[in-house]
C-alpha atoms as a PDB file:
ATOM      1  CA  MET A   1     -23.388  14.688  20.998  1.00  0.00           C
ATOM      2  CA  ALA A   2     -25.388  13.275  18.353  1.00  0.00           C
ATOM      3  CA  LYS A   3     -28.293  10.851  19.163  1.00  0.00           C
ATOM      4  CA  HIS A   4     -30.596   8.519  17.609  1.00  0.00           C
ATOM      5  CA  PHE A   5     -32.111  11.402  15.580  1.00  0.00           C
ATOM      6  CA  LEU A   6     -28.941  11.184  13.420  1.00  0.00           C
ATOM      7  CA  MET A   7     -30.326   8.118  11.755  1.00  0.00           C
ATOM      8  CA  ARG A   8     -32.386  10.324   9.509  1.00  0.00           C
ATOM      9  CA  PRO A   9     -29.229  12.292   8.168  1.00  0.00           C
ATOM     10  CA  LEU A  10     -27.418   9.003   7.682  1.00  0.00           C
ATOM     11  CA  LEU A  11     -30.387   7.457   5.633  1.00  0.00           C
ATOM     12  CA  ALA A  12     -30.580  10.545   3.426  1.00  0.00           C
ATOM     13  CA  LEU A  13     -26.692  10.367   2.932  1.00  0.00           C
ATOM     14  CA  LEU A  14     -26.939   6.695   1.971  1.00  0.00           C
ATOM     15  CA  THR A  15     -29.817   7.443  -0.309  1.00  0.00           C
ATOM     16  CA  LEU A  16     -27.749  10.313  -2.126  1.00  0.00           C
ATOM     17  CA  PHE A  17     -24.784   7.824  -2.634  1.00  0.00           C
ATOM     18  CA  PHE A  18     -26.958   5.164  -3.995  1.00  0.00           C
ATOM     19  CA  ILE A  19     -28.354   7.655  -6.468  1.00  0.00           C
ATOM     20  CA  MET A  20     -24.886   8.543  -7.462  1.00  0.00           C
ATOM     21  CA  ILE A  21     -24.152   4.900  -8.105  1.00  0.00           C
ATOM     22  CA  GLY A  22     -27.095   4.587 -10.387  1.00  0.00           C
ATOM     23  CA  SER A  23     -25.667   7.303 -12.606  1.00  0.00           C
ATOM     24  CA  SER A  24     -22.147   6.019 -12.548  1.00  0.00           C
ATOM     25  CA  VAL A  25     -22.149   2.269 -12.920  1.00  0.00           C
ATOM     26  CA  THR A  26     -22.090   2.261 -16.665  1.00  0.00           C
ATOM     27  CA  ALA A  27     -19.321   4.898 -16.818  1.00  0.00           C
ATOM     28  CA  GLN A  28     -17.142   2.622 -14.651  1.00  0.00           C
ATOM     29  CA  GLU A  29     -16.696  -0.263 -17.055  1.00  0.00           C
ATOM     30  CA  THR A  30     -13.718   0.269 -19.190  1.00  0.00           C
ATOM     31  CA  PRO A  31     -12.819  -1.954 -22.165  1.00  0.00           C
ATOM     32  CA  SER A  32     -10.435  -3.905 -20.068  1.00  0.00           C
ATOM     33  CA  GLN A  33     -12.913  -4.730 -17.286  1.00  0.00           C
ATOM     34  CA  LYS A  34     -16.276  -4.649 -19.098  1.00  0.00           C
ATOM     35  CA  GLY A  35     -18.506  -7.741 -18.602  1.00  0.00           C
ATOM     36  CA  TYR A  36     -16.451  -9.317 -15.766  1.00  0.00           C
ATOM     37  CA  HIS A  37     -18.274 -10.332 -12.497  1.00  0.00           C
ATOM     38  CA  LEU A  38     -18.279 -12.722  -9.711  1.00  0.00           C
ATOM     39  CA  PHE A  39     -18.864 -15.638 -12.056  1.00  0.00           C
ATOM     40  CA  ASN A  40     -16.910 -14.477 -14.950  1.00  0.00           C
ATOM     41  CA  PRO A  41     -13.697 -13.263 -13.378  1.00  0.00           C
ATOM     42  CA  THR A  42     -11.294 -10.711 -14.684  1.00  0.00           C
ATOM     43  CA  PRO A  43      -8.432 -12.515 -16.584  1.00  0.00           C
ATOM     44  CA  ARG A  44      -5.183 -12.284 -14.654  1.00  0.00           C
ATOM     45  CA  GLU A  45      -3.552 -10.347 -17.467  1.00  0.00           C
ATOM     46  CA  ASN A  46      -6.178  -7.698 -17.151  1.00  0.00           C
ATOM     47  CA  MET A  47      -6.067  -7.185 -13.358  1.00  0.00           C
ATOM     48  CA  ARG A  48      -5.270  -3.839 -11.964  1.00  0.00           C
ATOM     49  CA  ASP A  49      -2.089  -3.256  -9.745  1.00  0.00           C
ATOM     50  CA  PHE A  50      -2.508  -4.485  -6.293  1.00  0.00           C
ATOM     51  CA  SER A  51      -4.294  -2.114  -4.199  1.00  0.00           C
ATOM     52  CA  ILE A  52      -4.779  -2.609  -0.380  1.00  0.00           C
ATOM     53  CA  ASP A  53      -6.694  -0.881   2.420  1.00  0.00           C
ATOM     54  CA  ARG A  54      -3.900  -1.429   4.957  1.00  0.00           C
ATOM     55  CA  PRO A  55      -1.810  -0.584   6.745  1.00  0.00           C
ATOM     56  CA  ASP A  56      -2.829   3.022   6.871  1.00  0.00           C
ATOM     57  CA  VAL A  57      -6.232   4.076   8.322  1.00  0.00           C
ATOM     58  CA  THR A  58      -7.078   5.676   4.866  1.00  0.00           C
ATOM     59  CA  GLU A  59      -8.830   3.174   2.641  1.00  0.00           C
ATOM     60  CA  SER A  60      -8.180   2.870  -1.048  1.00  0.00           C
ATOM     61  CA  PRO A  61     -11.026   3.843  -3.312  1.00  0.00           C
ATOM     62  CA  ILE A  62     -10.026   0.968  -5.696  1.00  0.00           C
ATOM     63  CA  THR A  63     -11.972  -2.177  -5.621  1.00  0.00           C
ATOM     64  CA  VAL A  64     -10.792  -5.804  -6.018  1.00  0.00           C
ATOM     65  CA  ASP A  65     -10.916  -7.253  -9.500  1.00  0.00           C
ATOM     66  CA  ALA A  66     -14.211  -9.117 -10.281  1.00  0.00           C
ATOM     67  CA  GLY A  67     -14.196 -12.762  -9.386  1.00  0.00           C
ATOM     68  CA  HIS A  68     -10.961 -12.517  -7.299  1.00  0.00           C
ATOM     69  CA  PHE A  69     -10.334 -13.016  -3.608  1.00  0.00           C
ATOM     70  CA  GLN A  70      -8.068 -10.815  -1.416  1.00  0.00           C
ATOM     71  CA  VAL A  71      -6.898 -11.118   2.114  1.00  0.00           C
ATOM     72  CA  GLU A  72      -5.567  -8.284   4.208  1.00  0.00           C
ATOM     73  CA  ALA A  73      -4.708  -9.197   7.954  1.00  0.00           C
ATOM     74  CA  ASP A  74      -2.731  -8.377  10.959  1.00  0.00           C
ATOM     75  CA  ILE A  75      -0.276 -10.997  12.105  1.00  0.00           C
ATOM     76  CA  VAL A  76       0.038  -9.166  15.416  1.00  0.00           C
ATOM     77  CA  LYS A  77      -1.130  -5.818  16.744  1.00  0.00           C
ATOM     78  CA  TYR A  78       0.001  -4.127  20.122  1.00  0.00           C
ATOM     79  CA  THR A  79      -2.234  -1.305  21.383  1.00  0.00           C
ATOM     80  CA  LEU A  80      -1.189   0.783  24.515  1.00  0.00           C
ATOM     81  CA  ASP A  81      -4.236   2.673  25.977  1.00  0.00           C
ATOM     82  CA  ASP A  82      -3.604   6.303  26.713  1.00  0.00           C
ATOM     83  CA  ARG A  83      -5.684   6.462  29.893  1.00  0.00           C
ATOM     84  CA  GLY A  84      -2.850   6.671  32.272  1.00  0.00           C
ATOM     85  CA  ASP A  85      -3.272   3.082  33.448  1.00  0.00           C
ATOM     86  CA  GLY A  86      -0.778   1.309  31.047  1.00  0.00           C
ATOM     87  CA  PHE A  87      -3.205  -1.391  29.942  1.00  0.00           C
ATOM     88  CA  ARG A  88      -2.558  -2.829  26.591  1.00  0.00           C
ATOM     89  CA  THR A  89      -4.185  -5.082  24.082  1.00  0.00           C
ATOM     90  CA  LEU A  90      -2.648  -7.849  21.889  1.00  0.00           C
ATOM     91  CA  THR A  91      -4.595  -9.162  18.881  1.00  0.00           C
ATOM     92  CA  PHE A  92      -3.618 -11.787  16.527  1.00  0.00           C
ATOM     93  CA  LEU A  93      -4.764 -12.567  12.844  1.00  0.00           C
ATOM     94  CA  ASN A  94      -7.482 -10.051  12.655  1.00  0.00           C
ATOM     95  CA  GLY A  95      -8.415 -10.062   8.947  1.00  0.00           C
ATOM     96  CA  LEU A  96     -10.250  -8.522   6.255  1.00  0.00           C
ATOM     97  CA  TYR A  97     -11.377 -11.067   3.407  1.00  0.00           C
ATOM     98  CA  LYS A  98     -12.547  -9.445   0.108  1.00  0.00           C
ATOM     99  CA  MET A  99     -14.181 -10.628  -3.048  1.00  0.00           C
ATOM    100  CA  GLY A 100     -14.589  -8.708  -6.252  1.00  0.00           C
ATOM    101  CA  LEU A 101     -18.251  -8.652  -7.472  1.00  0.00           C
ATOM    102  CA  SER A 102     -18.020  -6.541 -10.579  1.00  0.00           C
ATOM    103  CA  SER A 103     -15.913  -3.812 -12.124  1.00  0.00           C
ATOM    104  CA  SER A 104     -16.771  -1.351  -9.564  1.00  0.00           C
ATOM    105  CA  TRP A 105     -17.967  -3.221  -6.477  1.00  0.00           C
ATOM    106  CA  ASP A 106     -16.584  -5.557  -4.047  1.00  0.00           C
ATOM    107  CA  ILE A 107     -17.615  -6.963  -0.500  1.00  0.00           C
ATOM    108  CA  HIS A 108     -15.491  -7.417   2.549  1.00  0.00           C
ATOM    109  CA  VAL A 109     -15.920  -9.587   5.665  1.00  0.00           C
ATOM    110  CA  GLY A 110     -13.793  -8.506   8.611  1.00  0.00           C
ATOM    111  CA  VAL A 111     -13.189 -10.784  11.608  1.00  0.00           C
ATOM    112  CA  ASP A 112     -11.570  -9.991  14.987  1.00  0.00           C
ATOM    113  CA  PHE A 113     -10.048 -13.398  15.464  1.00  0.00           C
ATOM    114  CA  TYR A 114      -8.296 -13.281  18.776  1.00  0.00           C
ATOM    115  CA  ASN A 115      -7.665 -10.521  21.514  1.00  0.00           C
ATOM    116  CA  THR A 116      -6.074 -10.545  24.771  1.00  0.00           C
ATOM    117  CA  TYR A 117      -5.822  -7.757  27.399  1.00  0.00           C
ATOM    118  CA  GLN A 118      -2.726  -7.305  29.644  1.00  0.00           C
ATOM    119  CA  THR A 119      -2.005  -5.331  32.845  1.00  0.00           C
ATOM    120  CA  PRO A 120       0.825  -2.701  32.977  1.00  0.00           C
ATOM    121  CA  ASP A 121       3.353  -5.512  33.930  1.00  0.00           C
ATOM    122  CA  GLY A 122       2.527  -7.480  30.982  1.00  0.00           C
ATOM    123  CA  LYS A 123       0.373 -10.132  32.527  1.00  0.00           C
ATOM    124  CA  SER A 124      -2.788 -11.364  30.864  1.00  0.00           C
ATOM    125  CA  ILE A 125      -5.886 -10.547  32.559  1.00  0.00           C
ATOM    126  CA  ASP A 126      -7.903 -13.614  33.763  1.00  0.00           C
ATOM    127  CA  GLY A 127     -10.890 -14.216  31.447  1.00  0.00           C
ATOM    128  CA  SER A 128      -9.954 -11.457  29.092  1.00  0.00           C
ATOM    129  CA  GLU A 129      -9.104 -13.696  26.013  1.00  0.00           C
ATOM    130  CA  GLU A 130     -11.800 -13.070  23.336  1.00  0.00           C
ATOM    131  CA  TYR A 131     -12.369 -14.832  20.057  1.00  0.00           C
ATOM    132  CA  ALA A 132     -14.367 -13.720  17.093  1.00  0.00           C
ATOM    133  CA  THR A 133     -15.924 -10.784  19.047  1.00  0.00           C
ATOM    134  CA  THR A 134     -16.910  -8.730  16.015  1.00  0.00           C
ATOM    135  CA  THR A 135     -17.772  -9.424  12.507  1.00  0.00           C
ATOM    136  CA  THR A 136     -17.763  -6.443  10.013  1.00  0.00           C
ATOM    137  CA  ILE A 137     -19.464  -6.561   6.662  1.00  0.00           C
ATOM    138  CA  ARG A 138     -18.698  -3.977   4.172  1.00  0.00           C
ATOM    139  CA  LEU A 139     -19.421  -2.991   0.647  1.00  0.00           C
ATOM    140  CA  LYS A 140     -16.970  -0.725  -1.507  1.00  0.00           C
ATOM    141  CA  HIS A 141     -18.044   1.123  -4.654  1.00  0.00           C
ATOM    142  CA  ASN A 142     -15.676   2.932  -6.911  1.00  0.00           C
ATOM    143  CA  PHE A 143     -17.212   5.974  -8.639  1.00  0.00           C
ATOM    144  CA  TRP A 144     -14.131   6.676 -10.795  1.00  0.00           C
ATOM    145  CA  GLY A 145     -10.545   5.971 -11.178  1.00  0.00           C
ATOM    146  CA  ASN A 146     -10.392   2.164 -10.929  1.00  0.00           C
ATOM    147  CA  ASP A 147      -8.749   1.562 -14.124  1.00  0.00           C
ATOM    148  CA  GLY A 148      -6.867   4.717 -14.702  1.00  0.00           C
ATOM    149  CA  GLY A 149      -7.531   7.591 -17.087  1.00  0.00           C
ATOM    150  CA  SER A 150      -7.748   9.845 -14.232  1.00  0.00           C
ATOM    151  CA  LYS A 151      -5.193  11.005 -11.435  1.00  0.00           C
ATOM    152  CA  THR A 152      -8.084  10.942  -9.034  1.00  0.00           C
ATOM    153  CA  ALA A 153     -10.244   8.078  -7.548  1.00  0.00           C
ATOM    154  CA  LEU A 154     -13.377   8.213  -5.329  1.00  0.00           C
ATOM    155  CA  GLY A 155     -15.067   5.522  -3.505  1.00  0.00           C
ATOM    156  CA  MET A 156     -17.546   4.909  -0.774  1.00  0.00           C
ATOM    157  CA  ILE A 157     -17.606   1.966   1.914  1.00  0.00           C
ATOM    158  CA  PRO A 158     -20.965   1.486   3.814  1.00  0.00           C
ATOM    159  CA  TYR A 159     -20.470  -1.093   6.618  1.00  0.00           C
ATOM    160  CA  ILE A 160     -22.000  -2.745   9.631  1.00  0.00           C
ATOM    161  CA  ALA A 161     -20.184  -4.195  12.521  1.00  0.00           C
ATOM    162  CA  LEU A 162     -21.956  -6.911  14.535  1.00  0.00           C
ATOM    163  CA  SER A 163     -20.786  -7.719  17.922  1.00  0.00           C
ATOM    164  CA  ARG A 164     -21.510 -11.163  19.568  1.00  0.00           C
ATOM    165  CA  PHE A 165     -22.610  -9.161  22.618  1.00  0.00           C
ATOM    166  CA  GLY A 166     -25.506  -7.999  20.559  1.00  0.00           C
ATOM    167  CA  ASP A 167     -24.441  -4.540  19.652  1.00  0.00           C
ATOM    168  CA  ALA A 168     -24.136  -3.094  16.090  1.00  0.00           C
ATOM    169  CA  THR A 169     -22.134  -0.232  14.827  1.00  0.00           C
ATOM    170  CA  PHE A 170     -22.552   1.164  11.333  1.00  0.00           C
ATOM    171  CA  GLY A 171     -21.283   3.911   9.200  1.00  0.00           C
ATOM    172  CA  LEU A 172     -20.087   5.179   5.941  1.00  0.00           C
ATOM    173  CA  GLY A 173     -16.505   5.870   4.736  1.00  0.00           C
ATOM    174  CA  ILE A 174     -15.520   8.169   1.699  1.00  0.00           C
ATOM    175  CA  PRO A 175     -12.003   7.488   0.534  1.00  0.00           C
ATOM    176  CA  PHE A 176     -10.389   9.644  -2.126  1.00  0.00           C
ATOM    177  CA  SER A 177      -6.908   9.350  -3.877  1.00  0.00           C
ATOM    178  CA  TYR A 178      -4.789  11.776  -6.042  1.00  0.00           C
ATOM    179  CA  GLY A 179      -1.771  10.707  -7.887  1.00  0.00           C
ATOM    180  CA  ILE A 180       0.637  13.788  -7.452  1.00  0.00           C
ATOM    181  CA  SER A 181       3.397  12.175  -9.519  1.00  0.00           C
ATOM    182  CA  GLU A 182       4.613   8.706 -10.415  1.00  0.00           C
ATOM    183  CA  LYS A 183       6.415   8.518  -7.082  1.00  0.00           C
ATOM    184  CA  LEU A 184       3.950  10.286  -4.835  1.00  0.00           C
ATOM    185  CA  ASP A 185       0.296   9.802  -4.019  1.00  0.00           C
ATOM    186  CA  PHE A 186      -2.054  11.590  -1.774  1.00  0.00           C
ATOM    187  CA  GLY A 187      -5.096  10.265  -0.108  1.00  0.00           C
ATOM    188  CA  ALA A 188      -7.798  11.375   2.211  1.00  0.00           C
ATOM    189  CA  GLN A 189     -10.999   9.870   3.914  1.00  0.00           C
ATOM    190  CA  ALA A 190     -14.016  11.077   5.651  1.00  0.00           C
ATOM    191  CA  GLN A 191     -15.963   8.516   7.878  1.00  0.00           C
ATOM    192  CA  PHE A 192     -19.029   8.850   9.791  1.00  0.00           C
ATOM    193  CA  ASP A 193     -19.533   5.952  12.541  1.00  0.00           C
ATOM    194  CA  PHE A 194     -22.736   5.535  14.628  1.00  0.00           C
ATOM    195  CA  ILE A 195     -21.787   3.773  17.834  1.00  0.00           C
ATOM    196  CA  PRO A 196     -24.457   2.274  20.269  1.00  0.00           C
ATOM    197  CA  GLY A 197     -24.826   3.924  23.710  1.00  0.00           C
ATOM    198  CA  SER A 198     -27.561   4.931  26.086  1.00  0.00           C
ATOM    199  CA  ASP A 199     -29.181   8.305  27.223  1.00  0.00           C
ATOM    200  CA  ASP A 200     -31.180   8.061  30.590  1.00  0.00           C
ATOM    201  CA  GLY A 201     -31.406   4.411  30.173  1.00  0.00           C
ATOM    202  CA  GLU A 202     -32.591   4.421  26.639  1.00  0.00           C
ATOM    203  CA  ASP A 203     -30.722   2.811  23.797  1.00  0.00           C
ATOM    204  CA  THR A 204     -29.394   5.332  21.286  1.00  0.00           C
ATOM    205  CA  TYR A 205     -26.599   5.968  18.674  1.00  0.00           C
ATOM    206  CA  ASN A 206     -23.831   8.555  19.100  1.00  0.00           C
ATOM    207  CA  MET A 207     -22.057   9.882  15.906  1.00  0.00           C
ATOM    208  CA  SER A 208     -18.288   9.764  15.630  1.00  0.00           C
ATOM    209  CA  TYR A 209     -16.399  11.391  12.727  1.00  0.00           C
ATOM    210  CA  PHE A 210     -12.922  11.024  11.667  1.00  0.00           C
ATOM    211  CA  GLN A 211     -10.816  12.582   8.870  1.00  0.00           C
ATOM    212  CA  THR A 212      -7.363  11.296   7.529  1.00  0.00           C
ATOM    213  CA  ILE A 213      -4.817  12.629   5.035  1.00  0.00           C
ATOM    214  CA  VAL A 214      -2.031  10.375   3.737  1.00  0.00           C
ATOM    215  CA  MET A 215       0.922  10.724   1.520  1.00  0.00           C
ATOM    216  CA  GLY A 216       3.217   7.878   0.362  1.00  0.00           C
ATOM    217  CA  GLY A 217       4.969   6.111  -2.533  1.00  0.00           C
ATOM    218  CA  PRO A 218       7.942   4.132  -3.485  1.00  0.00           C
ATOM    219  CA  LEU A 219      10.769   4.500  -1.019  1.00  0.00           C
ATOM    220  CA  VAL A 220      13.813   2.284  -2.135  1.00  0.00           C
ATOM    221  CA  GLY A 221      13.820  -1.037  -3.870  1.00  0.00           C
ATOM    222  CA  ASP A 222      10.725  -3.023  -3.310  1.00  0.00           C
ATOM    223  CA  PHE A 223       9.725  -0.819  -0.263  1.00  0.00           C
ATOM    224  CA  ASP A 224       6.957   1.756  -0.170  1.00  0.00           C
ATOM    225  CA  PHE A 225       6.235   4.168   2.570  1.00  0.00           C
ATOM    226  CA  TYR A 226       3.480   6.435   3.941  1.00  0.00           C
ATOM    227  CA  VAL A 227       2.773   9.148   6.612  1.00  0.00           C
ATOM    228  CA  GLU A 228      -0.545   9.912   7.795  1.00  0.00           C
ATOM    229  CA  GLY A 229      -2.540  12.138  10.103  1.00  0.00           C
ATOM    230  CA  MET A 230      -5.911  11.118  11.633  1.00  0.00           C
ATOM    231  CA  ALA A 231      -8.340  13.139  13.760  1.00  0.00           C
ATOM    232  CA  THR A 232     -11.390  11.523  15.453  1.00  0.00           C
ATOM    233  CA  PHE A 233     -14.241  13.715  17.034  1.00  0.00           C
ATOM    234  CA  PHE A 234     -16.704  12.024  19.316  1.00  0.00           C
ATOM    235  CA  GLU A 235     -18.801  13.434  22.252  1.00  0.00           C
ATOM    236  CA  GLY A 236     -16.948  16.712  22.251  1.00  0.00           C
ATOM    237  CA  GLU A 237     -13.476  15.087  22.378  1.00  0.00           C
ATOM    238  CA  GLU A 238     -10.635  15.033  19.678  1.00  0.00           C
ATOM    239  CA  TYR A 239      -8.395  12.183  19.323  1.00  0.00           C
ATOM    240  CA  ILE A 240      -5.394  12.896  17.003  1.00  0.00           C
ATOM    241  CA  SER A 241      -2.648  10.400  15.987  1.00  0.00           C
ATOM    242  CA  ALA A 242       0.373  10.625  13.543  1.00  0.00           C
ATOM    243  CA  ASN A 243       0.787   7.371  11.585  1.00  0.00           C
ATOM    244  CA  GLY A 244       3.418   5.910   9.381  1.00  0.00           C
ATOM    245  CA  GLY A 245       4.621   2.584   7.938  1.00  0.00           C
ATOM    246  CA  LEU A 246       6.583   0.506   5.450  1.00  0.00           C
ATOM    247  CA  ILE A 247       5.257  -1.847   2.885  1.00  0.00           C
ATOM    248  CA  TYR A 248       7.483  -4.563   1.274  1.00  0.00           C
ATOM    249  CA  ASN A 249       6.386  -5.798  -2.087  1.00  0.00           C
ATOM    250  CA  VAL A 250       7.166  -9.531  -2.164  1.00  0.00           C
ATOM    251  CA  SER A 251       5.533 -10.034  -5.391  1.00  0.00           C
ATOM    252  CA  PRO A 252       2.874  -8.442  -7.553  1.00  0.00           C
ATOM    253  CA  ASN A 253       0.187 -10.216  -5.501  1.00  0.00           C
ATOM    254  CA  VAL A 254       1.889 -10.316  -1.917  1.00  0.00           C
ATOM    255  CA  LYS A 255       2.784  -7.522   0.433  1.00  0.00           C
ATOM    256  CA  ILE A 256       4.027  -7.416   4.091  1.00  0.00           C
ATOM    257  CA  ASP A 257       3.737  -4.321   6.223  1.00  0.00           C
ATOM    258  CA  LEU A 258       4.992  -2.842   9.441  1.00  0.00           C
ATOM    259  CA  ALA A 259       3.198   0.367  10.804  1.00  0.00           C
ATOM    260  CA  THR A 260       2.531   2.472  13.807  1.00  0.00           C
ATOM    261  CA  ASN A 261      -0.274   4.793  14.970  1.00  0.00           C
ATOM    262  CA  THR A 262       1.179   7.210  17.596  1.00  0.00           C
ATOM    263  CA  GLY A 263      -1.404   8.846  19.838  1.00  0.00           C
ATOM    264  CA  LEU A 264      -0.988  12.618  20.316  1.00  0.00           C
ATOM    265  CA  THR A 265      -3.730  13.695  22.501  1.00  0.00           C
ATOM    266  CA  GLU A 266      -5.024  12.405  25.788  1.00  0.00           C
ATOM    267  CA  GLY A 267      -7.059   9.226  25.318  1.00  0.00           C
ATOM    268  CA  THR A 268      -5.644   8.306  21.793  1.00  0.00           C
ATOM    269  CA  PRO A 269      -4.143   4.897  21.869  1.00  0.00           C
ATOM    270  CA  THR A 270      -0.674   4.063  20.384  1.00  0.00           C
ATOM    271  CA  ARG A 271      -0.444   0.974  18.166  1.00  0.00           C
ATOM    272  CA  VAL A 272       2.330  -1.048  16.368  1.00  0.00           C
ATOM    273  CA  TYR A 273       1.376  -3.810  14.043  1.00  0.00           C
ATOM    274  CA  LEU A 274       2.718  -6.323  11.329  1.00  0.00           C
ATOM    275  CA  GLY A 275       0.595  -7.575   8.809  1.00  0.00           C
ATOM    276  CA  PHE A 276       0.308  -9.050   5.207  1.00  0.00           C
ATOM    277  CA  SER A 277      -1.845  -9.035   2.150  1.00  0.00           C
ATOM    278  CA  PHE A 278      -2.337 -11.189  -0.931  1.00  0.00           C
ATOM    279  CA  ARG A 279      -4.754 -11.849  -3.649  1.00  0.00           C
ATOM    280  CA  ILE A 280      -5.622 -14.772  -5.833  1.00  0.00           C
END
């Protein structure tokens, strides 16, 4: 599909977004957030409602409050490959660690802590255990909607994922949200990923694109819900999944979630996962 010449369009896209940042930074600082940064944290009484990127695939365009730390992690994730061979993956404590840098910027570090691969009969494959295989570094910028005043919010998330085996994947996500009502929200995300590969022995990058749409809101008591559709397009193939989950709001700063991604097309994996999020 797309080869290394896609680097130029990506750089142009990144340049466009950074130009947009320059014109939007001053507009992002509302009276409740103005002047706060990493070394002058937002007072707790001025913090936004707790917004997380998990468990749906669609990211939130809302950033972490300046000077505050947030963790979002899988406790356990089970993945069944849809390749007709029944192989599966178990992952534990894969987390995303966030720090608010300013009123509209935060930084994330993601670590794949532990993965193990199993045969169809549930036995671990010898030598398949992997620790900290990939470290992902992301930045998130919110263009608008961080602090209310609008039913919509828009952000961008450039990232690079570094493998200890030497390969690097990078890309750009563009999350959007719309508050339909007090009890129902809509979200969507477009993302471009550039994945290392080879072409006639030459190292190159192939482009993958995915699109999501999600709807969710309060369900009952302290539970929230979401339903989501996701489509990934890579090397002429389409991978489609139907996703959904529940989020239990333990407190204003702690959440627990249970979710699934169900593969609908050949080659699309199915996942079930349990996770948690908190901020300080």
